[in-house]
């Protein structure tokens, strides 16, 4: 039976964790699920947190179906670099991928998985246009051909004070490969040999794209996003 009660805290208006999980498991009524999706579209930090929670539930086999909103986020991550490259074909490939990835009105997602040496699970996107599918297929074939030669990148993601950022995201641009940091800010990610850069992100902090470091610890320090100044209204 689907849950029909309001999924939000009556005082603060925030999405309640138990209803967030119910949404990710497909246990909310259609009206409640739509309300949750509208809320996630408005709140980038909660969207980041919810997508990370979905990955955690999925790894624990507690999320059998993938909600439409989650599928759209995964599809956007997969196809946005392709669209970006199409618009900048005259640039060097490494420069094409520099900048902030924006998807469906939210910041980069996290995949809250424990640090391990296992390769992240491949995710299935929604149906896209024929050109996107063809180009994505070409990229997938290239990834498959290089799957025998993998390298492991490990390190820590820290804030401006050197404290670990828990749940920070590490993504290989143009693929589904990604992971997130543990309680010590550590991450481990396997990528194909020849990967030149990784994308790092965390809610409230500026994203960073760094060259792949094949030896030693690839530590990254993220800086807070600049806060918009408050407006002062003067009465005359």
C-alpha atoms as a PDB file:
ATOM      1  CA  UNK A   1       0.000   0.000   0.000  1.00  0.00           C
ATOM      2  CA  UNK A   2       1.365   3.388  -1.038  1.00  0.00           C
ATOM      3  CA  UNK A   3       2.000   6.048   1.613  1.00  0.00           C
ATOM      4  CA  UNK A   4      -0.199   9.115   1.192  1.00  0.00           C
ATOM      5  CA  UNK A   5       0.795  11.264   4.203  1.00  0.00           C
ATOM      6  CA  UNK A   6       2.760  14.472   3.680  1.00  0.00           C
ATOM      7  CA  UNK A   7       6.478  13.661   3.281  1.00  0.00           C
ATOM      8  CA  UNK A   8       7.562  17.004   4.763  1.00  0.00           C
ATOM      9  CA  UNK A   9       8.239  18.257   8.268  1.00  0.00           C
ATOM     10  CA  UNK A  10       5.179  20.379   9.186  1.00  0.00           C
ATOM     11  CA  UNK A  11       7.362  22.938  10.972  1.00  0.00           C
ATOM     12  CA  UNK A  12      10.443  23.329   8.765  1.00  0.00           C
ATOM     13  CA  UNK A  13       9.042  22.051   5.477  1.00  0.00           C
ATOM     14  CA  UNK A  14      12.074  19.793   4.975  1.00  0.00           C
ATOM     15  CA  UNK A  15      11.791  16.366   3.394  1.00  0.00           C
ATOM     16  CA  UNK A  16      11.664  13.717   6.130  1.00  0.00           C
ATOM     17  CA  UNK A  17      14.330  10.988   5.751  1.00  0.00           C
ATOM     18  CA  UNK A  18      11.821   8.141   6.187  1.00  0.00           C
ATOM     19  CA  UNK A  19       9.705   9.492   3.324  1.00  0.00           C
ATOM     20  CA  UNK A  20      12.793  10.156   1.222  1.00  0.00           C
ATOM     21  CA  UNK A  21      13.668   6.467   1.528  1.00  0.00           C
ATOM     22  CA  UNK A  22      10.050   5.505   0.857  1.00  0.00           C
ATOM     23  CA  UNK A  23      10.177   7.551  -2.355  1.00  0.00           C
ATOM     24  CA  UNK A  24      13.408   5.854  -3.451  1.00  0.00           C
ATOM     25  CA  UNK A  25      11.822   2.442  -2.808  1.00  0.00           C
ATOM     26  CA  UNK A  26       8.690   3.376  -4.753  1.00  0.00           C
ATOM     27  CA  UNK A  27       6.419   3.289  -1.694  1.00  0.00           C
ATOM     28  CA  UNK A  28       4.869   6.771  -2.032  1.00  0.00           C
ATOM     29  CA  UNK A  29       1.608   7.627  -3.757  1.00  0.00           C
ATOM     30  CA  UNK A  30       1.869   9.410  -7.101  1.00  0.00           C
ATOM     31  CA  UNK A  31       0.925  12.782  -5.601  1.00  0.00           C
ATOM     32  CA  UNK A  32       3.443  12.449  -2.757  1.00  0.00           C
ATOM     33  CA  UNK A  33       6.180  11.307  -5.152  1.00  0.00           C
ATOM     34  CA  UNK A  34       5.560  14.322  -7.390  1.00  0.00           C
ATOM     35  CA  UNK A  35       5.770  16.619  -4.362  1.00  0.00           C
ATOM     36  CA  UNK A  36       9.123  15.065  -3.409  1.00  0.00           C
ATOM     37  CA  UNK A  37      10.470  15.504  -6.954  1.00  0.00           C
ATOM     38  CA  UNK A  38       9.403  19.164  -7.007  1.00  0.00           C
ATOM     39  CA  UNK A  39      11.174  19.669  -3.667  1.00  0.00           C
ATOM     40  CA  UNK A  40      14.380  18.024  -4.928  1.00  0.00           C
ATOM     41  CA  UNK A  41      14.324  20.198  -8.025  1.00  0.00           C
ATOM     42  CA  UNK A  42      14.349  23.295  -5.807  1.00  0.00           C
ATOM     43  CA  UNK A  43      16.925  22.139  -3.233  1.00  0.00           C
ATOM     44  CA  UNK A  44      20.272  21.178  -4.777  1.00  0.00           C
ATOM     45  CA  UNK A  45      21.809  19.986  -1.502  1.00  0.00           C
ATOM     46  CA  UNK A  46      18.887  17.658  -0.746  1.00  0.00           C
ATOM     47  CA  UNK A  47      18.978  16.387  -4.322  1.00  0.00           C
ATOM     48  CA  UNK A  48      22.674  15.590  -3.889  1.00  0.00           C
ATOM     49  CA  UNK A  49      21.921  13.817  -0.610  1.00  0.00           C
ATOM     50  CA  UNK A  50      18.946  11.901  -2.040  1.00  0.00           C
ATOM     51  CA  UNK A  51      20.879  10.604  -5.036  1.00  0.00           C
ATOM     52  CA  UNK A  52      23.635   9.426  -2.698  1.00  0.00           C
ATOM     53  CA  UNK A  53      21.057   7.701  -0.505  1.00  0.00           C
ATOM     54  CA  UNK A  54      19.581   5.946  -3.539  1.00  0.00           C
ATOM     55  CA  UNK A  55      23.005   4.503  -4.391  1.00  0.00           C
ATOM     56  CA  UNK A  56      23.355   3.283  -0.789  1.00  0.00           C
ATOM     57  CA  UNK A  57      19.934   1.593  -0.899  1.00  0.00           C
ATOM     58  CA  UNK A  58      20.689   0.123  -4.298  1.00  0.00           C
ATOM     59  CA  UNK A  59      23.934  -1.403  -3.088  1.00  0.00           C
ATOM     60  CA  UNK A  60      22.022  -2.899  -0.140  1.00  0.00           C
ATOM     61  CA  UNK A  61      19.347  -4.308  -2.519  1.00  0.00           C
ATOM     62  CA  UNK A  62      16.694  -2.179  -0.824  1.00  0.00           C
ATOM     63  CA  UNK A  63      15.741  -0.171  -3.910  1.00  0.00           C
ATOM     64  CA  UNK A  64      14.348  -2.553  -6.519  1.00  0.00           C
ATOM     65  CA  UNK A  65      13.063   0.112  -8.923  1.00  0.00           C
ATOM     66  CA  UNK A  66      14.758   3.327  -9.991  1.00  0.00           C
ATOM     67  CA  UNK A  67      12.507   6.404  -9.610  1.00  0.00           C
ATOM     68  CA  UNK A  68      12.062   8.523 -12.721  1.00  0.00           C
ATOM     69  CA  UNK A  69      13.797  11.503 -11.113  1.00  0.00           C
ATOM     70  CA  UNK A  70      16.886   9.404 -10.315  1.00  0.00           C
ATOM     71  CA  UNK A  71      16.978   8.022 -13.865  1.00  0.00           C
ATOM     72  CA  UNK A  72      16.930  11.550 -15.272  1.00  0.00           C
ATOM     73  CA  UNK A  73      19.879  12.589 -13.110  1.00  0.00           C
ATOM     74  CA  UNK A  74      21.914   9.559 -14.203  1.00  0.00           C
ATOM     75  CA  UNK A  75      21.042  10.146 -17.860  1.00  0.00           C
ATOM     76  CA  UNK A  76      22.063  13.789 -17.635  1.00  0.00           C
ATOM     77  CA  UNK A  77      25.424  12.913 -16.099  1.00  0.00           C
ATOM     78  CA  UNK A  78      26.002  10.480 -18.972  1.00  0.00           C
ATOM     79  CA  UNK A  79      24.898  12.708 -21.866  1.00  0.00           C
ATOM     80  CA  UNK A  80      25.853  16.244 -20.789  1.00  0.00           C
ATOM     81  CA  UNK A  81      29.589  15.815 -21.501  1.00  0.00           C
ATOM     82  CA  UNK A  82      28.620  14.562 -24.999  1.00  0.00           C
ATOM     83  CA  UNK A  83      26.487  17.624 -25.714  1.00  0.00           C
ATOM     84  CA  UNK A  84      29.223  19.840 -24.314  1.00  0.00           C
ATOM     85  CA  UNK A  85      31.822  18.333 -26.644  1.00  0.00           C
ATOM     86  CA  UNK A  86      29.517  18.826 -29.636  1.00  0.00           C
ATOM     87  CA  UNK A  87      29.345  22.549 -28.912  1.00  0.00           C
ATOM     88  CA  UNK A  88      33.119  22.884 -28.543  1.00  0.00           C
ATOM     89  CA  UNK A  89      34.583  20.581 -31.191  1.00  0.00           C
ATOM     90  CA  UNK A  90      37.391  23.046 -31.915  1.00  0.00           C
ATOM     91  CA  UNK A  91      38.831  22.805 -28.400  1.00  0.00           C
ATOM     92  CA  UNK A  92      41.283  20.323 -26.984  1.00  0.00           C
ATOM     93  CA  UNK A  93      39.466  17.384 -25.369  1.00  0.00           C
ATOM     94  CA  UNK A  94      40.928  18.012 -21.937  1.00  0.00           C
ATOM     95  CA  UNK A  95      39.787  21.642 -22.018  1.00  0.00           C
ATOM     96  CA  UNK A  96      36.313  20.662 -23.174  1.00  0.00           C
ATOM     97  CA  UNK A  97      35.581  18.881 -19.931  1.00  0.00           C
ATOM     98  CA  UNK A  98      36.791  21.673 -17.626  1.00  0.00           C
ATOM     99  CA  UNK A  99      34.079  23.518 -15.733  1.00  0.00           C
ATOM    100  CA  UNK A 100      31.115  22.816 -13.530  1.00  0.00           C
ATOM    101  CA  UNK A 101      28.779  19.982 -14.514  1.00  0.00           C
ATOM    102  CA  UNK A 102      25.168  20.975 -13.999  1.00  0.00           C
ATOM    103  CA  UNK A 103      22.378  18.435 -14.271  1.00  0.00           C
ATOM    104  CA  UNK A 104      18.638  18.890 -14.030  1.00  0.00           C
ATOM    105  CA  UNK A 105      18.981  22.010 -11.901  1.00  0.00           C
ATOM    106  CA  UNK A 106      21.090  20.321  -9.215  1.00  0.00           C
ATOM    107  CA  UNK A 107      24.762  19.965  -8.330  1.00  0.00           C
ATOM    108  CA  UNK A 108      26.804  16.854  -8.731  1.00  0.00           C
ATOM    109  CA  UNK A 109      25.471  13.706  -7.039  1.00  0.00           C
ATOM    110  CA  UNK A 110      27.341  11.501  -4.639  1.00  0.00           C
ATOM    111  CA  UNK A 111      27.384   7.752  -4.507  1.00  0.00           C
ATOM    112  CA  UNK A 112      27.653   6.987  -0.796  1.00  0.00           C
ATOM    113  CA  UNK A 113      29.486   3.692  -1.089  1.00  0.00           C
ATOM    114  CA  UNK A 114      32.221   2.444   1.256  1.00  0.00           C
ATOM    115  CA  UNK A 115      35.767   2.775  -0.020  1.00  0.00           C
ATOM    116  CA  UNK A 116      36.725  -0.429  -1.810  1.00  0.00           C
ATOM    117  CA  UNK A 117      38.770  -1.598  -4.759  1.00  0.00           C
ATOM    118  CA  UNK A 118      35.706  -2.843  -6.622  1.00  0.00           C
ATOM    119  CA  UNK A 119      34.630  -1.209  -9.875  1.00  0.00           C
ATOM    120  CA  UNK A 120      31.400   0.835  -9.480  1.00  0.00           C
ATOM    121  CA  UNK A 121      28.270  -0.744 -10.941  1.00  0.00           C
ATOM    122  CA  UNK A 122      27.223   0.398 -14.415  1.00  0.00           C
ATOM    123  CA  UNK A 123      23.898   2.279 -14.447  1.00  0.00           C
ATOM    124  CA  UNK A 124      21.218   2.093 -17.153  1.00  0.00           C
ATOM    125  CA  UNK A 125      20.031   5.455 -18.555  1.00  0.00           C
ATOM    126  CA  UNK A 126      16.670   6.383 -20.060  1.00  0.00           C
ATOM    127  CA  UNK A 127      16.148   6.397 -23.829  1.00  0.00           C
ATOM    128  CA  UNK A 128      17.821   9.417 -25.403  1.00  0.00           C
ATOM    129  CA  UNK A 129      17.887  10.803 -28.944  1.00  0.00           C
ATOM    130  CA  UNK A 130      19.449   8.726 -31.715  1.00  0.00           C
ATOM    131  CA  UNK A 131      22.585  10.878 -31.970  1.00  0.00           C
ATOM    132  CA  UNK A 132      23.222  10.689 -28.240  1.00  0.00           C
ATOM    133  CA  UNK A 133      22.681   6.923 -28.200  1.00  0.00           C
ATOM    134  CA  UNK A 134      25.075   6.412 -31.115  1.00  0.00           C
ATOM    135  CA  UNK A 135      27.818   8.520 -29.532  1.00  0.00           C
ATOM    136  CA  UNK A 136      27.244   6.960 -26.124  1.00  0.00           C
ATOM    137  CA  UNK A 137      27.515   3.531 -27.745  1.00  0.00           C
ATOM    138  CA  UNK A 138      30.850   4.490 -29.266  1.00  0.00           C
ATOM    139  CA  UNK A 139      32.133   5.617 -25.863  1.00  0.00           C
ATOM    140  CA  UNK A 140      30.866   2.409 -24.255  1.00  0.00           C
ATOM    141  CA  UNK A 141      32.702   0.332 -26.857  1.00  0.00           C
ATOM    142  CA  UNK A 142      35.900   2.243 -26.193  1.00  0.00           C
ATOM    143  CA  UNK A 143      35.505   1.676 -22.457  1.00  0.00           C
ATOM    144  CA  UNK A 144      34.916  -2.044 -22.996  1.00  0.00           C
ATOM    145  CA  UNK A 145      38.033  -2.384 -25.141  1.00  0.00           C
ATOM    146  CA  UNK A 146      40.159  -0.756 -22.437  1.00  0.00           C
ATOM    147  CA  UNK A 147      38.568  -2.599 -19.501  1.00  0.00           C
ATOM    148  CA  UNK A 148      41.507  -4.979 -19.284  1.00  0.00           C
ATOM    149  CA  UNK A 149      43.869  -2.109 -18.478  1.00  0.00           C
ATOM    150  CA  UNK A 150      42.620  -0.395 -15.334  1.00  0.00           C
ATOM    151  CA  UNK A 151      44.353   1.776 -12.801  1.00  0.00           C
ATOM    152  CA  UNK A 152      43.336   2.593  -9.238  1.00  0.00           C
ATOM    153  CA  UNK A 153      43.262   6.200  -8.065  1.00  0.00           C
ATOM    154  CA  UNK A 154      43.046   6.832  -4.340  1.00  0.00           C
ATOM    155  CA  UNK A 155      43.301   9.849  -2.087  1.00  0.00           C
ATOM    156  CA  UNK A 156      41.357  12.229   0.165  1.00  0.00           C
ATOM    157  CA  UNK A 157      39.013  15.153  -0.433  1.00  0.00           C
ATOM    158  CA  UNK A 158      39.400  17.963   2.110  1.00  0.00           C
ATOM    159  CA  UNK A 159      37.834  21.334   2.830  1.00  0.00           C
ATOM    160  CA  UNK A 160      39.695  24.634   2.972  1.00  0.00           C
ATOM    161  CA  UNK A 161      40.735  23.906   6.576  1.00  0.00           C
ATOM    162  CA  UNK A 162      42.089  20.442   5.821  1.00  0.00           C
ATOM    163  CA  UNK A 163      39.104  18.611   7.340  1.00  0.00           C
ATOM    164  CA  UNK A 164      37.724  15.577   5.445  1.00  0.00           C
ATOM    165  CA  UNK A 165      34.593  16.063   3.318  1.00  0.00           C
ATOM    166  CA  UNK A 166      32.340  13.058   3.938  1.00  0.00           C
ATOM    167  CA  UNK A 167      30.339  11.903   0.916  1.00  0.00           C
ATOM    168  CA  UNK A 168      32.216  14.088  -1.579  1.00  0.00           C
ATOM    169  CA  UNK A 169      31.908  12.907  -5.186  1.00  0.00           C
ATOM    170  CA  UNK A 170      34.605  11.640  -7.551  1.00  0.00           C
ATOM    171  CA  UNK A 171      33.517  11.077 -11.171  1.00  0.00           C
ATOM    172  CA  UNK A 172      35.233  10.063 -14.382  1.00  0.00           C
ATOM    173  CA  UNK A 173      33.837  12.597 -16.916  1.00  0.00           C
ATOM    174  CA  UNK A 174      31.862  11.001 -19.725  1.00  0.00           C
ATOM    175  CA  UNK A 175      31.198   7.723 -17.913  1.00  0.00           C
ATOM    176  CA  UNK A 176      29.212   6.212 -15.049  1.00  0.00           C
ATOM    177  CA  UNK A 177      32.342   5.524 -13.014  1.00  0.00           C
ATOM    178  CA  UNK A 178      32.282   7.307  -9.711  1.00  0.00           C
ATOM    179  CA  UNK A 179      32.462   6.931  -5.966  1.00  0.00           C
ATOM    180  CA  UNK A 180      32.242   9.016  -2.808  1.00  0.00           C
ATOM    181  CA  UNK A 181      34.414   9.540   0.237  1.00  0.00           C
ATOM    182  CA  UNK A 182      34.119   7.737   3.565  1.00  0.00           C
ATOM    183  CA  UNK A 183      34.148   9.231   7.062  1.00  0.00           C
ATOM    184  CA  UNK A 184      37.865  10.019   6.724  1.00  0.00           C
ATOM    185  CA  UNK A 185      37.409  11.764   3.383  1.00  0.00           C
ATOM    186  CA  UNK A 186      39.121   8.869   1.573  1.00  0.00           C
ATOM    187  CA  UNK A 187      38.144   7.493  -1.823  1.00  0.00           C
ATOM    188  CA  UNK A 188      39.243   4.698  -4.151  1.00  0.00           C
ATOM    189  CA  UNK A 189      38.224   4.638  -7.826  1.00  0.00           C
ATOM    190  CA  UNK A 190      39.201   2.318 -10.657  1.00  0.00           C
ATOM    191  CA  UNK A 191      39.375   3.943 -14.098  1.00  0.00           C
ATOM    192  CA  UNK A 192      40.682   2.804 -17.499  1.00  0.00           C
ATOM    193  CA  UNK A 193      44.354   3.367 -18.156  1.00  0.00           C
ATOM    194  CA  UNK A 194      44.750   6.553 -20.126  1.00  0.00           C
ATOM    195  CA  UNK A 195      42.131   8.504 -18.158  1.00  0.00           C
ATOM    196  CA  UNK A 196      43.452  12.058 -17.959  1.00  0.00           C
ATOM    197  CA  UNK A 197      41.183  13.804 -15.440  1.00  0.00           C
ATOM    198  CA  UNK A 198      38.655  13.252 -12.651  1.00  0.00           C
ATOM    199  CA  UNK A 199      35.840  15.546 -11.513  1.00  0.00           C
ATOM    200  CA  UNK A 200      35.481  16.306  -7.793  1.00  0.00           C
ATOM    201  CA  UNK A 201      32.419  17.860  -6.156  1.00  0.00           C
ATOM    202  CA  UNK A 202      30.642  18.471  -2.871  1.00  0.00           C
ATOM    203  CA  UNK A 203      27.493  20.378  -1.964  1.00  0.00           C
ATOM    204  CA  UNK A 204      28.245  24.012  -1.153  1.00  0.00           C
ATOM    205  CA  UNK A 205      31.791  23.811  -2.572  1.00  0.00           C
ATOM    206  CA  UNK A 206      33.282  24.686  -5.938  1.00  0.00           C
ATOM    207  CA  UNK A 207      33.740  21.696  -8.240  1.00  0.00           C
ATOM    208  CA  UNK A 208      37.263  20.855  -9.371  1.00  0.00           C
ATOM    209  CA  UNK A 209      38.692  18.900 -12.272  1.00  0.00           C
ATOM    210  CA  UNK A 210      42.157  17.500 -11.642  1.00  0.00           C
ATOM    211  CA  UNK A 211      44.649  15.462 -13.627  1.00  0.00           C
ATOM    212  CA  UNK A 212      44.792  11.770 -12.753  1.00  0.00           C
ATOM    213  CA  UNK A 213      47.659  10.939 -10.404  1.00  0.00           C
ATOM    214  CA  UNK A 214      48.754   7.340 -10.906  1.00  0.00           C
ATOM    215  CA  UNK A 215      51.228   7.208  -8.025  1.00  0.00           C
ATOM    216  CA  UNK A 216      50.937   8.266  -4.414  1.00  0.00           C
ATOM    217  CA  UNK A 217      47.850   9.821  -2.857  1.00  0.00           C
ATOM    218  CA  UNK A 218      45.685  12.045  -5.077  1.00  0.00           C
ATOM    219  CA  UNK A 219      44.481  14.490  -2.406  1.00  0.00           C
ATOM    220  CA  UNK A 220      42.166  17.329  -3.434  1.00  0.00           C
ATOM    221  CA  UNK A 221      41.157  20.462  -1.502  1.00  0.00           C
ATOM    222  CA  UNK A 222      37.805  22.047  -2.414  1.00  0.00           C
ATOM    223  CA  UNK A 223      36.948  25.672  -1.744  1.00  0.00           C
ATOM    224  CA  UNK A 224      33.529  26.943  -0.552  1.00  0.00           C
ATOM    225  CA  UNK A 225      31.239  28.555  -3.076  1.00  0.00           C
ATOM    226  CA  UNK A 226      31.064  32.339  -2.796  1.00  0.00           C
ATOM    227  CA  UNK A 227      27.949  33.417  -0.942  1.00  0.00           C
ATOM    228  CA  UNK A 228      25.789  36.069  -2.551  1.00  0.00           C
ATOM    229  CA  UNK A 229      25.913  39.353  -0.647  1.00  0.00           C
ATOM    230  CA  UNK A 230      22.800  40.491   1.148  1.00  0.00           C
ATOM    231  CA  UNK A 231      20.845  43.331  -0.373  1.00  0.00           C
ATOM    232  CA  UNK A 232      20.208  46.406   1.702  1.00  0.00           C
ATOM    233  CA  UNK A 233      17.054  48.339   1.025  1.00  0.00           C
ATOM    234  CA  UNK A 234      17.089  52.001   1.873  1.00  0.00           C
ATOM    235  CA  UNK A 235      13.977  53.940   2.700  1.00  0.00           C
ATOM    236  CA  UNK A 236      13.726  57.530   1.580  1.00  0.00           C
END
